[in-house]
N, C-alpha and C. Protein backbone atom coordinates (compact mmCIF):
# COMPACT_ATOMS: atom_id res chain seq x y z
N MET A 1 2.15 -8.02 85.85
CA MET A 1 2.80 -6.77 85.48
C MET A 1 4.31 -7.01 85.31
N ILE A 2 4.88 -6.29 84.38
CA ILE A 2 6.29 -6.43 84.06
C ILE A 2 7.08 -5.32 84.74
N THR A 3 8.25 -5.66 85.24
CA THR A 3 9.14 -4.67 85.84
C THR A 3 10.14 -4.19 84.79
N ILE A 4 10.30 -2.88 84.70
CA ILE A 4 11.31 -2.31 83.81
C ILE A 4 12.45 -1.81 84.68
N LEU A 5 13.65 -2.28 84.39
CA LEU A 5 14.82 -1.83 85.16
C LEU A 5 14.98 -0.32 85.01
N PRO A 6 15.52 0.35 86.02
CA PRO A 6 15.73 1.81 85.90
C PRO A 6 16.54 2.14 84.66
N HIS A 7 16.11 3.20 84.00
CA HIS A 7 16.77 3.63 82.76
C HIS A 7 18.14 4.20 83.07
N SER A 8 19.09 3.89 82.20
CA SER A 8 20.43 4.45 82.38
C SER A 8 20.40 5.94 82.07
N LYS A 9 21.38 6.64 82.59
CA LYS A 9 21.50 8.07 82.36
C LYS A 9 21.57 8.36 80.85
N HIS A 10 22.24 7.47 80.12
CA HIS A 10 22.39 7.63 78.67
C HIS A 10 21.03 7.61 77.95
N ILE A 11 20.15 6.71 78.35
CA ILE A 11 18.83 6.59 77.73
C ILE A 11 18.02 7.86 77.97
N ILE A 12 17.98 8.33 79.20
CA ILE A 12 17.23 9.54 79.53
C ILE A 12 17.80 10.75 78.80
N GLN A 13 19.12 10.86 78.75
CA GLN A 13 19.75 11.98 78.04
C GLN A 13 19.39 11.98 76.56
N LYS A 14 19.34 10.81 75.97
CA LYS A 14 18.98 10.71 74.56
C LYS A 14 17.53 11.12 74.34
N ALA A 15 16.63 10.70 75.22
CA ALA A 15 15.23 11.09 75.11
C ALA A 15 15.07 12.61 75.23
N ILE A 16 15.81 13.20 76.15
CA ILE A 16 15.77 14.66 76.32
C ILE A 16 16.34 15.34 75.08
N LYS A 17 17.45 14.83 74.56
CA LYS A 17 18.08 15.40 73.37
C LYS A 17 17.12 15.41 72.18
N TYR A 18 16.37 14.32 72.00
CA TYR A 18 15.43 14.22 70.89
C TYR A 18 14.08 14.90 71.19
N GLY A 19 13.88 15.35 72.43
CA GLY A 19 12.63 16.01 72.79
C GLY A 19 11.45 15.06 72.91
N ILE A 20 11.73 13.82 73.31
CA ILE A 20 10.68 12.80 73.39
C ILE A 20 10.57 12.18 74.78
N GLU A 21 11.06 12.87 75.79
CA GLU A 21 11.08 12.28 77.13
C GLU A 21 9.68 11.89 77.62
N LYS A 22 8.70 12.78 77.46
CA LYS A 22 7.34 12.48 77.93
C LYS A 22 6.75 11.30 77.17
N LYS A 23 6.92 11.29 75.85
CA LYS A 23 6.42 10.18 75.03
C LYS A 23 7.08 8.87 75.44
N PHE A 24 8.40 8.91 75.66
CA PHE A 24 9.15 7.72 76.05
C PHE A 24 8.63 7.16 77.38
N LEU A 25 8.45 8.02 78.36
CA LEU A 25 7.98 7.56 79.67
C LEU A 25 6.55 7.02 79.59
N LYS A 26 5.70 7.64 78.76
CA LYS A 26 4.33 7.16 78.58
C LYS A 26 4.34 5.76 77.97
N GLN A 27 5.16 5.57 76.94
CA GLN A 27 5.23 4.26 76.30
C GLN A 27 5.82 3.21 77.25
N CYS A 28 6.75 3.61 78.10
CA CYS A 28 7.29 2.67 79.10
C CYS A 28 6.22 2.24 80.08
N THR A 29 5.29 3.13 80.41
CA THR A 29 4.17 2.78 81.28
C THR A 29 3.31 1.71 80.61
N TYR A 30 3.01 1.92 79.32
CA TYR A 30 2.25 0.91 78.58
C TYR A 30 3.01 -0.42 78.53
N LEU A 31 4.31 -0.34 78.33
CA LEU A 31 5.15 -1.54 78.26
C LEU A 31 5.07 -2.34 79.55
N ALA A 32 5.12 -1.66 80.68
CA ALA A 32 5.05 -2.33 81.98
C ALA A 32 3.70 -3.00 82.19
N GLN A 33 2.64 -2.41 81.66
CA GLN A 33 1.30 -2.97 81.83
C GLN A 33 1.04 -4.14 80.89
N ASN A 34 1.49 -3.98 79.63
CA ASN A 34 1.23 -5.00 78.61
C ASN A 34 2.21 -4.77 77.47
N PHE A 35 3.23 -5.61 77.34
CA PHE A 35 4.26 -5.34 76.35
C PHE A 35 3.74 -5.46 74.91
N GLN A 36 2.50 -5.95 74.74
CA GLN A 36 1.90 -6.01 73.41
C GLN A 36 0.79 -4.97 73.23
N HIS A 37 0.84 -3.91 74.01
CA HIS A 37 -0.15 -2.83 73.90
C HIS A 37 -0.15 -2.34 72.45
N PRO A 38 -1.33 -2.10 71.87
CA PRO A 38 -1.40 -1.72 70.45
C PRO A 38 -0.59 -0.47 70.07
N SER A 39 -0.49 0.51 70.93
CA SER A 39 0.24 1.73 70.55
C SER A 39 1.75 1.54 70.54
N LEU A 40 2.24 0.44 71.11
CA LEU A 40 3.68 0.19 71.14
C LEU A 40 4.21 -0.38 69.82
N HIS A 41 3.38 -1.09 69.09
CA HIS A 41 3.81 -1.76 67.86
C HIS A 41 5.08 -2.58 68.13
N THR A 42 5.03 -3.38 69.17
CA THR A 42 6.17 -4.19 69.59
C THR A 42 6.51 -5.23 68.53
N GLU A 43 7.81 -5.39 68.26
CA GLU A 43 8.22 -6.42 67.32
C GLU A 43 9.53 -7.06 67.76
N LEU A 44 9.66 -8.35 67.48
CA LEU A 44 10.88 -9.10 67.75
C LEU A 44 11.79 -8.91 66.55
N LEU A 45 13.00 -8.43 66.80
CA LEU A 45 13.92 -8.11 65.71
C LEU A 45 14.72 -9.33 65.26
N GLU A 46 15.21 -9.26 64.05
CA GLU A 46 16.06 -10.31 63.49
C GLU A 46 17.49 -10.12 63.95
N PRO A 47 18.25 -11.14 64.19
CA PRO A 47 17.85 -12.53 64.27
C PRO A 47 17.05 -12.78 65.56
N LYS A 48 15.96 -13.46 65.42
CA LYS A 48 15.02 -13.67 66.53
C LYS A 48 15.64 -14.42 67.71
N THR A 49 16.67 -15.19 67.46
CA THR A 49 17.30 -15.96 68.53
C THR A 49 17.98 -15.07 69.57
N HIS A 50 18.26 -13.82 69.23
CA HIS A 50 18.88 -12.90 70.19
C HIS A 50 17.87 -12.34 71.19
N GLY A 51 16.59 -12.39 70.86
CA GLY A 51 15.55 -11.96 71.79
C GLY A 51 15.48 -10.46 72.01
N ILE A 52 15.88 -9.66 71.03
CA ILE A 52 15.81 -8.20 71.16
C ILE A 52 14.54 -7.71 70.49
N TYR A 53 13.78 -6.93 71.23
CA TYR A 53 12.51 -6.37 70.75
C TYR A 53 12.66 -4.86 70.58
N SER A 54 11.68 -4.29 69.87
CA SER A 54 11.61 -2.83 69.80
C SER A 54 10.15 -2.42 70.00
N PHE A 55 9.96 -1.21 70.50
CA PHE A 55 8.63 -0.62 70.56
C PHE A 55 8.70 0.81 70.07
N ARG A 56 7.59 1.29 69.56
CA ARG A 56 7.52 2.61 68.97
C ARG A 56 7.30 3.68 70.04
N ILE A 57 8.12 4.71 70.00
CA ILE A 57 7.89 5.90 70.82
C ILE A 57 6.97 6.83 70.04
N ASP A 58 7.33 7.09 68.79
CA ASP A 58 6.50 7.82 67.84
C ASP A 58 6.90 7.35 66.45
N GLN A 59 6.47 8.05 65.41
CA GLN A 59 6.77 7.60 64.04
C GLN A 59 8.26 7.57 63.75
N LYS A 60 9.04 8.41 64.42
CA LYS A 60 10.45 8.53 64.10
C LYS A 60 11.36 7.71 65.01
N TYR A 61 10.98 7.49 66.27
CA TYR A 61 11.87 6.86 67.25
C TYR A 61 11.32 5.55 67.78
N ARG A 62 12.24 4.62 68.02
CA ARG A 62 11.91 3.34 68.62
C ARG A 62 12.88 3.06 69.76
N THR A 63 12.46 2.17 70.65
CA THR A 63 13.29 1.77 71.78
C THR A 63 13.58 0.28 71.66
N LEU A 64 14.83 -0.08 71.88
CA LEU A 64 15.23 -1.49 71.87
C LEU A 64 15.25 -2.00 73.31
N PHE A 65 14.76 -3.23 73.50
CA PHE A 65 14.74 -3.81 74.85
C PHE A 65 14.80 -5.32 74.75
N PHE A 66 15.08 -5.96 75.88
CA PHE A 66 15.02 -7.42 75.95
C PHE A 66 14.50 -7.83 77.32
N PHE A 67 13.99 -9.05 77.37
CA PHE A 67 13.50 -9.63 78.61
C PHE A 67 14.66 -10.33 79.32
N ARG A 68 14.73 -10.16 80.63
CA ARG A 68 15.67 -10.94 81.43
C ARG A 68 15.18 -12.38 81.46
N LYS A 69 15.94 -13.28 82.04
CA LYS A 69 15.66 -14.71 81.97
C LYS A 69 14.25 -15.11 82.42
N ASP A 70 13.73 -14.47 83.44
CA ASP A 70 12.42 -14.91 83.96
C ASP A 70 11.24 -14.27 83.23
N LYS A 71 11.47 -13.48 82.21
CA LYS A 71 10.43 -12.85 81.37
C LYS A 71 9.54 -11.86 82.11
N SER A 72 9.85 -11.53 83.36
CA SER A 72 9.05 -10.53 84.07
C SER A 72 9.82 -9.23 84.27
N VAL A 73 11.06 -9.19 83.76
CA VAL A 73 11.90 -8.00 83.90
C VAL A 73 12.40 -7.61 82.51
N ILE A 74 12.25 -6.31 82.19
CA ILE A 74 12.70 -5.78 80.91
C ILE A 74 13.85 -4.82 81.15
N GLU A 75 14.85 -4.89 80.26
CA GLU A 75 15.94 -3.93 80.29
C GLU A 75 15.94 -3.15 78.97
N ILE A 76 15.90 -1.83 79.07
CA ILE A 76 15.95 -0.95 77.91
C ILE A 76 17.39 -0.82 77.45
N LEU A 77 17.63 -1.04 76.16
CA LEU A 77 18.98 -0.98 75.62
C LEU A 77 19.31 0.36 74.99
N ALA A 78 18.40 0.88 74.17
CA ALA A 78 18.71 2.09 73.41
C ALA A 78 17.45 2.73 72.84
N ILE A 79 17.58 4.00 72.49
CA ILE A 79 16.57 4.71 71.71
C ILE A 79 17.21 4.92 70.34
N THR A 80 16.48 4.54 69.29
CA THR A 80 17.05 4.64 67.95
C THR A 80 16.12 5.41 67.02
N VAL A 81 16.70 5.89 65.93
CA VAL A 81 15.91 6.53 64.88
C VAL A 81 15.42 5.43 63.98
N HIS A 82 14.10 5.40 63.78
CA HIS A 82 13.49 4.36 62.94
C HIS A 82 13.68 4.72 61.48
N TYR A 83 13.81 3.73 60.64
CA TYR A 83 13.98 3.91 59.18
C TYR A 83 15.23 4.68 58.83
N ARG A 84 16.28 4.39 59.50
CA ARG A 84 17.55 5.06 59.22
C ARG A 84 18.33 4.32 58.18
């Protein structure tokens, strides 16, 4: 199982602002269980050497994250609008 670092106040505020807090927390649960869960549509972003991934919250929003050095800890970076 993967550990997700506690979300920053900024991340939670953005999820609340967009009205996706429940969806975000549900997807984070899937992420902790299996970061390649089919509903997440996880992808490694370019440039791949930076190691930043994204997962889908819904059709409009995605979350950016990266693995800490030992690959068992994830840090959430941001919630973004997809296809912007």
